[in-house]
Every structure is written in structure tokens, then in C-alpha cells.
Amino acid sequence: GKHTIFGEVADSASLDVAVQISQVPTDGADRPVEDVVLESVTIHRSGD
């Protein structure tokens, strides 16, 4: 991939979502066979 993203999940429910995304089947180019869509994201900046 072209982009590396660092972060952490906020709670166990968020971790469950991250694990589910990591288990999505991929094709030969390591891309998801079906689109993975994040419907809501909250970003907390350090110090906020």
C-alpha cells in the first residue's frame, strides 16, 4: 500500500470493528473483495 496509518482504538467495541475489517477476504492484490465502508469516524487529537 501507499499509505501507512497509525492510531489506536478507543474501546473494545472499536477493537472488534478493527478485527472484523482485518478479516475481510481479499483478492490477489490484497484488496478487499467487497468494499469496506466506514460510516462514522471520530478523531481525537492529542491534548484534546
Protein backbone atom coordinates (compact mmCIF):
# COMPACT_ATOMS: atom_id res chain seq x y z
CA GLY A 1 0.00 0.00 0.00
CA LYS A 2 0.92 3.60 -0.38
CA HIS A 3 -0.30 4.83 2.97
CA THR A 4 0.56 3.73 6.48
CA ILE A 5 -1.80 4.92 9.19
CA PHE A 6 -1.05 4.88 12.89
CA GLY A 7 -3.68 5.14 15.57
CA GLU A 8 -5.39 3.31 18.35
CA VAL A 9 -8.91 2.18 19.01
CA ALA A 10 -10.84 3.86 21.79
CA ASP A 11 -12.56 0.86 23.34
CA SER A 12 -13.31 -2.85 22.99
CA ALA A 13 -16.22 -2.23 20.59
CA SER A 14 -13.88 -0.29 18.29
CA LEU A 15 -11.31 -3.07 18.53
CA ASP A 16 -13.98 -5.57 17.46
CA VAL A 17 -14.63 -3.47 14.34
CA ALA A 18 -10.90 -3.27 13.54
CA VAL A 19 -10.60 -7.06 13.86
CA GLN A 20 -13.62 -7.59 11.59
CA ILE A 21 -12.09 -5.30 8.95
CA SER A 22 -8.78 -7.18 9.14
CA GLN A 23 -10.59 -10.45 8.42
CA VAL A 24 -12.34 -9.28 5.22
CA PRO A 25 -11.45 -11.58 2.29
CA THR A 26 -9.02 -10.02 -0.21
CA ASP A 27 -8.08 -10.66 -3.82
CA GLY A 28 -4.65 -11.37 -5.30
CA ALA A 29 -3.70 -7.69 -4.98
CA ASP A 30 -4.61 -7.77 -1.26
CA ARG A 31 -7.63 -5.54 -1.84
CA PRO A 32 -10.98 -6.33 -0.23
CA VAL A 33 -13.23 -8.45 -2.45
CA GLU A 34 -16.15 -6.26 -1.33
CA ASP A 35 -15.92 -2.60 -0.32
CA VAL A 36 -15.32 -1.84 3.35
CA VAL A 37 -17.19 1.34 4.28
CA LEU A 38 -16.67 3.32 7.47
CA GLU A 39 -19.95 5.10 8.14
CA SER A 40 -18.73 7.14 11.11
CA VAL A 41 -15.29 8.10 12.38
CA THR A 42 -14.32 10.27 15.34
CA ILE A 43 -10.80 11.70 15.55
CA HIS A 44 -9.41 12.80 18.91
CA ARG A 45 -6.23 14.82 18.67
CA SER A 46 -3.55 14.57 21.33
CA GLY A 47 -4.26 17.10 24.05
CA ASP A 48 -7.97 17.44 23.21
